[in-house]
Amino acid sequence: MAHHWTLKQLRLVALAAASGSYAKAAQDMGLSPPAVTAQMKALEEDLGVPVFERADGRLRPTAAGKELLAAQQRIANALVEAERAIAALKSPEAGSVVVGVVSTAKYFAPMALAAFRKRRPEIELKLMIGNREDIIGGLVSLDLDLAVMGRPPPDLEAQTQVIGDHPHVIIAPPAHRLIGCRLDPADLAKEPFLVREPGSGTRILMERVFGEAGVPQPPIAMEIGSNETIKQAVMAGLGLSFISAHTVAAEVADGRLEVLDVAGLPAVRQWLVVRARDKRLLPAGLALQDFLAREGGSFLPKMPAGEGGRCFLPPPSPASSGGSAGPKRRR
């Protein structure tokens, strides 16, 4: 059966869903309320099912309405892509790139993007910084051309290129009793930890490190959605934290934080430049992708005595005599 839905009808569905009102959708489209009502009635007759239902005086999309909303979003994305592609045809050397950056990467990604802009000033960059969930959502919706992040989830069909190493360490305030000790993860099983929100890449990796060591997850003293706040809380003595070494390079260098000597750490993952497989990259996006893959690693923060993305490890100490259990103090 042929359907004759129009872009105008799909736009009305989106506006009505956003506002909860046909009258507001009519106002936004510059149409009269009766005209909108007639359009929606014709759409529902064509579909054979209702698009909206009323709840608490507001329009709420039905299951069919949600399908139309998803279709409308895909069409809107396709039209934006077409507009950008046509602009690129008219001016191949110019263009724009929408880049998503996970919050942990904000300690190096802006510097890399600034260097790219100096080299290619005709290319406009639009930057979005968010948590892992935000950035994955932007890749799935195709709102982002590229993302700088750790490894995306397996169910996201993505193409990735390596930027550089991404080490993770456990930090403590300078006066902490465990500084200078050689530790196993089991030695930290009762220490209070300051952690990122569930679902963050750092939190997932921390849970994996303790799980693979076969020891209980340490008690959570506080759940904090910002690396900056975590660093301040550790300095204040509220607990330890498992964190990206790149977020604490400056504080470790000037002595405001210390890296604990824990067996198996740093846990080194990789920074990647990621794009959804279905995302069509225009020349500007391809240029940025190539730049980040080739040169992005040079912008990674340096830990004291470290090179590239790999971080400083506390120096090894000779085995402690006496064979006593628990943390061993360096000689």
Protein backbone atom coordinates (compact mmCIF):
# COMPACT_ATOMS: atom_id res chain seq x y z
CA MET A 1 0.00 0.00 0.00
CA ALA A 2 1.49 3.37 -1.02
CA HIS A 3 1.76 6.06 1.63
CA HIS A 4 1.87 9.76 0.94
CA TRP A 5 3.37 11.22 4.09
CA THR A 6 4.89 14.64 3.60
CA LEU A 7 7.90 16.30 5.19
CA LYS A 8 5.47 18.89 6.55
CA GLN A 9 3.48 16.21 8.34
CA LEU A 10 6.59 14.65 9.85
CA ARG A 11 7.77 18.09 10.97
CA LEU A 12 4.38 18.68 12.61
CA VAL A 13 4.68 15.37 14.44
CA ALA A 14 8.09 16.42 15.79
CA LEU A 15 6.87 19.85 16.88
CA ALA A 16 3.69 18.48 18.47
CA ALA A 17 5.71 15.85 20.37
CA ALA A 18 8.15 18.49 21.63
CA SER A 19 5.48 20.95 22.78
CA GLY A 20 2.66 18.54 23.65
CA SER A 21 0.23 20.74 21.74
CA TYR A 22 -1.12 20.99 18.19
CA ALA A 23 -1.71 24.71 18.78
CA LYS A 24 1.97 25.32 19.59
CA ALA A 25 3.02 23.21 16.59
CA ALA A 26 0.73 25.31 14.41
CA GLN A 27 2.30 28.50 15.76
CA ASP A 28 5.84 27.21 15.16
CA MET A 29 4.96 26.23 11.56
CA GLY A 30 3.05 29.45 10.83
CA LEU A 31 -0.17 27.54 10.19
CA SER A 32 -3.67 27.80 11.62
CA PRO A 33 -4.71 25.21 14.24
CA PRO A 34 -7.47 23.83 11.95
CA ALA A 35 -4.89 23.30 9.19
CA VAL A 36 -2.66 21.33 11.55
CA THR A 37 -5.59 19.26 12.80
CA ALA A 38 -6.52 18.44 9.20
CA GLN A 39 -2.92 17.43 8.37
CA MET A 40 -2.68 15.15 11.39
CA LYS A 41 -6.09 13.60 10.73
CA ALA A 42 -5.07 12.81 7.15
CA LEU A 43 -1.81 11.27 8.42
CA GLU A 44 -3.59 9.05 10.94
CA GLU A 45 -6.13 7.94 8.30
CA ASP A 46 -3.26 7.00 6.02
CA LEU A 47 -1.51 5.10 8.82
CA GLY A 48 -4.63 3.45 10.16
CA VAL A 49 -3.46 4.02 13.76
CA PRO A 50 -3.31 7.07 16.05
CA VAL A 51 -0.09 9.06 16.21
CA PHE A 52 -0.77 10.78 19.55
CA GLU A 53 -2.76 10.14 22.71
CA ARG A 54 -3.63 12.65 25.41
CA ALA A 55 -2.18 12.34 28.92
CA ASP A 56 -2.55 15.07 31.56
CA GLY A 57 -3.73 17.49 28.91
CA ARG A 58 -0.65 16.99 26.72
CA LEU A 59 -0.09 15.11 23.50
CA ARG A 60 2.04 12.01 23.92
CA PRO A 61 3.31 9.98 20.94
CA THR A 62 1.97 6.46 20.56
CA ALA A 63 4.23 3.61 19.45
CA ALA A 64 3.44 4.59 15.85
CA GLY A 65 4.16 8.22 16.68
CA LYS A 66 7.59 7.27 18.06
CA GLU A 67 8.38 5.45 14.82
CA LEU A 68 7.49 8.58 12.85
CA LEU A 69 9.64 10.70 15.19
CA ALA A 70 12.61 8.40 14.57
CA ALA A 71 12.01 8.59 10.81
CA GLN A 72 11.75 12.38 10.98
CA GLN A 73 15.08 12.57 12.83
CA ARG A 74 16.80 10.38 10.24
CA ILE A 75 15.42 12.53 7.44
CA ALA A 76 16.50 15.73 9.20
CA ASN A 77 20.02 14.30 9.61
CA ALA A 78 20.10 13.30 5.94
CA LEU A 79 19.08 16.80 4.86
CA VAL A 80 21.79 18.37 7.05
CA GLU A 81 24.34 15.96 5.54
CA ALA A 82 23.18 16.86 2.04
CA GLU A 83 23.49 20.56 2.81
CA ARG A 84 27.03 20.07 4.10
CA ALA A 85 27.97 17.88 1.14
CA ILE A 86 26.73 20.49 -1.33
CA ALA A 87 28.67 23.19 0.53
CA ALA A 88 31.76 20.97 0.29
CA LEU A 89 31.23 20.58 -3.46
CA LYS A 90 31.16 24.35 -3.83
CA SER A 91 34.22 24.83 -1.59
CA PRO A 92 36.17 21.55 -1.28
CA GLU A 93 38.87 22.99 0.97
CA ALA A 94 36.43 24.37 3.54
CA GLY A 95 33.65 22.69 5.53
CA SER A 96 32.81 21.96 9.14
CA VAL A 97 33.34 19.05 11.52
CA VAL A 98 31.29 18.23 14.62
CA VAL A 99 33.60 16.62 17.19
CA GLY A 100 32.57 14.91 20.41
CA VAL A 101 35.11 14.64 23.22
CA VAL A 102 34.64 12.60 26.41
CA SER A 103 35.26 14.78 29.45
CA THR A 104 38.45 12.92 30.41
CA ALA A 105 39.98 13.84 27.04
CA LYS A 106 39.50 17.57 27.54
CA TYR A 107 43.03 17.70 28.98
CA PHE A 108 44.54 17.23 25.53
CA ALA A 109 41.90 17.21 22.79
CA PRO A 110 41.31 21.00 22.68
CA MET A 111 45.05 21.56 22.15
CA ALA A 112 45.07 19.05 19.30
CA LEU A 113 42.02 20.69 17.72
CA ALA A 114 43.61 24.14 18.07
CA ALA A 115 46.71 22.89 16.26
CA PHE A 116 44.53 21.48 13.47
CA ARG A 117 42.71 24.82 13.16
CA LYS A 118 46.01 26.67 12.78
CA ARG A 119 46.91 24.35 9.95
CA ARG A 120 43.45 24.38 8.34
CA PRO A 121 41.80 27.69 9.38
CA GLU A 122 39.19 27.38 6.63
CA ILE A 123 37.62 24.37 8.41
CA GLU A 124 35.08 25.15 11.13
CA LEU A 125 35.15 22.91 14.21
CA LYS A 126 32.14 22.41 16.47
CA LEU A 127 33.07 20.87 19.81
CA MET A 128 30.83 18.89 22.16
CA ILE A 129 32.23 17.72 25.52
CA GLY A 130 30.21 15.15 27.46
CA ASN A 131 30.40 11.92 29.39
CA ARG A 132 30.79 8.58 27.66
CA GLU A 133 27.03 8.08 27.40
CA ASP A 134 26.55 11.50 25.77
CA ILE A 135 29.26 10.88 23.18
CA ILE A 136 28.02 7.38 22.32
CA GLY A 137 24.54 8.86 21.87
CA GLY A 138 25.92 11.47 19.48
CA LEU A 139 27.67 8.78 17.42
CA VAL A 140 24.54 6.61 17.29
CA SER A 141 22.33 9.53 16.20
CA LEU A 142 25.01 10.55 13.64
CA ASP A 143 25.01 14.06 15.13
CA LEU A 144 28.78 13.72 15.61
CA ASP A 145 31.20 13.35 12.73
CA LEU A 146 34.02 12.13 14.98
CA ALA A 147 34.60 11.41 18.65
CA VAL A 148 37.71 11.29 20.83
CA MET A 149 37.18 8.58 23.43
CA GLY A 150 38.22 5.14 24.66
CA ARG A 151 36.93 2.00 23.03
CA PRO A 152 33.26 2.28 22.05
CA PRO A 153 30.81 -0.46 23.07
CA PRO A 154 30.81 -3.55 20.81
CA ASP A 155 27.21 -3.01 19.70
CA LEU A 156 28.12 0.37 18.19
CA GLU A 157 29.34 -0.32 14.68
CA ALA A 158 32.27 2.06 14.52
CA GLN A 159 35.55 2.62 12.77
CA THR A 160 38.43 3.51 15.08
CA GLN A 161 42.01 4.73 14.78
CA VAL A 162 44.50 4.91 17.63
CA ILE A 163 45.63 8.30 18.92
CA GLY A 164 47.89 7.07 21.73
CA ASP A 165 48.18 5.30 25.08
CA HIS A 166 45.79 6.17 27.91
CA PRO A 167 47.18 5.12 31.30
CA HIS A 168 45.09 4.92 34.49
CA VAL A 169 46.49 5.12 38.01
CA ILE A 170 45.40 5.34 41.63
CA ILE A 171 46.04 8.68 43.29
CA ALA A 172 46.30 9.79 46.91
CA PRO A 173 46.90 13.08 48.75
CA PRO A 174 50.59 13.81 49.46
CA ALA A 175 50.49 12.86 53.15
CA HIS A 176 48.69 9.53 52.70
CA ARG A 177 50.10 6.60 54.73
CA LEU A 178 50.31 4.32 51.64
CA ILE A 179 52.67 6.57 49.70
CA GLY A 180 55.99 4.79 49.26
CA CYS A 181 54.47 1.35 49.78
CA ARG A 182 54.44 -1.44 47.23
CA LEU A 183 50.80 -2.41 47.02
CA ASP A 184 48.59 -5.11 45.61
CA PRO A 185 44.95 -4.33 44.70
CA ALA A 186 43.95 -6.41 47.76
CA ASP A 187 45.70 -3.83 49.98
CA LEU A 188 43.18 -1.24 48.77
CA ALA A 189 40.03 -3.32 49.23
CA LYS A 190 39.01 -1.41 52.38
CA GLU A 191 40.21 2.06 51.37
CA PRO A 192 37.45 4.63 50.59
CA PHE A 193 37.37 5.51 46.89
CA LEU A 194 36.00 8.53 45.03
CA VAL A 195 34.56 7.27 41.74
CA ARG A 196 32.94 8.47 38.54
CA GLU A 197 29.30 7.76 37.74
CA PRO A 198 28.22 4.24 36.63
CA GLY A 199 28.75 3.76 32.91
CA SER A 200 31.76 6.07 32.68
CA GLY A 201 34.80 4.55 30.98
CA THR A 202 36.97 5.17 34.06
CA ARG A 203 34.48 3.49 36.40
CA ILE A 204 34.13 0.47 34.10
CA LEU A 205 37.92 0.06 33.91
CA MET A 206 38.34 0.41 37.69
CA GLU A 207 35.78 -2.34 38.31
CA ARG A 208 37.54 -4.53 35.75
CA VAL A 209 40.98 -4.01 37.36
CA PHE A 210 39.77 -5.04 40.82
CA GLY A 211 37.63 -7.85 39.38
CA GLU A 212 40.52 -9.33 37.40
CA ALA A 213 42.69 -9.16 40.53
CA GLY A 214 40.08 -11.30 42.28
CA VAL A 215 39.51 -8.83 45.12
CA PRO A 216 36.33 -7.03 46.24
CA GLN A 217 35.53 -3.62 44.84
CA PRO A 218 36.72 -0.97 47.34
CA PRO A 219 34.04 0.92 49.29
CA ILE A 220 32.69 4.00 47.54
CA ALA A 221 33.03 7.09 49.69
CA MET A 222 31.52 9.38 47.07
CA GLU A 223 30.29 9.22 43.48
CA ILE A 224 31.35 12.33 41.53
CA GLY A 225 30.60 13.21 37.90
CA SER A 226 33.63 15.44 37.35
CA ASN A 227 37.35 14.61 37.28
CA GLU A 228 38.17 18.11 38.51
CA THR A 229 35.99 17.64 41.59
CA ILE A 230 37.47 14.19 42.20
CA LYS A 231 40.99 15.66 42.19
CA GLN A 232 40.03 18.36 44.69
CA ALA A 233 38.31 15.78 46.92
CA VAL A 234 41.41 13.53 46.90
CA MET A 235 43.61 16.51 47.79
CA ALA A 236 41.24 17.23 50.68
CA GLY A 237 41.78 13.72 52.02
CA LEU A 238 38.31 12.32 51.32
CA GLY A 239 39.64 9.14 49.72
CA LEU A 240 41.69 7.59 46.94
CA SER A 241 40.69 7.52 43.27
CA PHE A 242 41.31 5.42 40.17
CA ILE A 243 41.67 8.00 37.43
CA SER A 244 43.15 8.77 34.03
CA ALA A 245 46.80 9.72 34.43
CA HIS A 246 46.29 12.44 31.85
CA THR A 247 43.83 14.26 34.10
CA VAL A 248 46.32 14.49 36.98
CA ALA A 249 49.64 15.09 35.20
CA ALA A 250 49.88 18.72 36.36
CA GLU A 251 48.96 17.97 39.98
CA VAL A 252 51.42 15.06 40.19
CA ALA A 253 54.16 17.21 38.66
CA ASP A 254 53.80 19.93 41.31
CA GLY A 255 53.28 17.57 44.24
CA ARG A 256 49.59 18.17 44.96
CA LEU A 257 48.78 14.52 44.24
CA GLU A 258 50.76 11.28 44.42
CA VAL A 259 50.53 8.13 42.31
CA LEU A 260 50.39 4.96 44.42
CA ASP A 261 52.66 2.05 43.50
CA VAL A 262 50.08 -0.67 42.79
CA ALA A 263 50.90 -3.98 41.11
CA GLY A 264 49.41 -4.16 37.63
CA LEU A 265 49.12 -0.40 37.24
CA PRO A 266 49.09 1.73 35.27
CA ALA A 267 46.25 0.09 33.38
CA VAL A 268 46.98 1.26 29.86
CA ARG A 269 44.13 1.58 27.40
CA GLN A 270 44.09 3.67 24.24
CA TRP A 271 42.69 6.95 23.07
CA LEU A 272 40.85 6.55 19.79
CA VAL A 273 39.32 8.74 17.12
CA VAL A 274 35.96 7.13 16.40
CA ARG A 275 33.27 7.49 13.78
CA ALA A 276 30.05 5.57 13.30
CA ARG A 277 30.27 3.22 10.34
CA ASP A 278 27.17 4.78 8.80
CA LYS A 279 28.53 8.32 9.11
CA ARG A 280 29.58 9.80 5.79
CA LEU A 281 32.69 11.90 6.36
CA LEU A 282 33.22 14.86 4.06
CA PRO A 283 36.75 16.05 3.17
CA ALA A 284 36.98 18.29 6.28
CA GLY A 285 36.11 15.38 8.56
CA LEU A 286 38.54 13.06 6.81
CA ALA A 287 41.30 15.66 7.21
CA LEU A 288 40.69 15.93 10.96
CA GLN A 289 40.47 12.15 11.37
CA ASP A 290 43.82 11.74 9.64
CA PHE A 291 45.42 14.53 11.72
CA LEU A 292 44.29 13.03 15.05
CA ALA A 293 45.46 9.55 14.07
CA ARG A 294 48.87 10.80 12.92
CA GLU A 295 49.64 13.62 15.35
CA GLY A 296 47.07 13.55 18.15
CA GLY A 297 49.36 11.50 20.41
CA SER A 298 51.89 14.33 20.59
CA PHE A 299 49.38 16.39 22.59
CA LEU A 300 48.91 13.84 25.36
CA PRO A 301 49.97 15.17 28.78
CA LYS A 302 53.36 14.04 30.03
CA MET A 303 53.59 12.51 33.49
CA PRO A 304 56.79 13.25 35.46
CA ALA A 305 59.62 11.13 34.04
CA GLY A 306 57.19 9.70 31.49
CA GLU A 307 57.11 9.80 27.72
CA GLY A 308 54.16 9.99 25.36
CA GLY A 309 50.95 8.62 26.75
CA ARG A 310 52.59 6.25 29.24
CA CYS A 311 52.78 7.55 32.75
CA PHE A 312 55.39 7.66 35.46
CA LEU A 313 55.51 4.64 37.73
CA PRO A 314 56.89 4.91 41.25
CA PRO A 315 60.41 3.44 41.19
CA PRO A 316 60.68 -0.24 42.09
CA SER A 317 61.92 -1.03 45.55
CA PRO A 318 63.86 -4.08 46.78
CA ALA A 319 61.77 -6.80 48.36
CA SER A 320 61.06 -6.02 51.96
CA SER A 321 62.67 -8.41 54.48
CA GLY A 322 60.68 -10.24 57.11
CA GLY A 323 57.96 -11.57 54.81
CA SER A 324 55.17 -9.80 56.67
CA ALA A 325 51.78 -9.53 54.96
CA GLY A 326 50.27 -6.27 53.75
CA PRO A 327 51.80 -3.18 52.12
CA LYS A 328 55.59 -3.09 52.02
CA ARG A 329 57.45 0.16 52.66
CA ARG A 330 60.16 1.14 50.19
CA ARG A 331 63.65 1.14 51.52
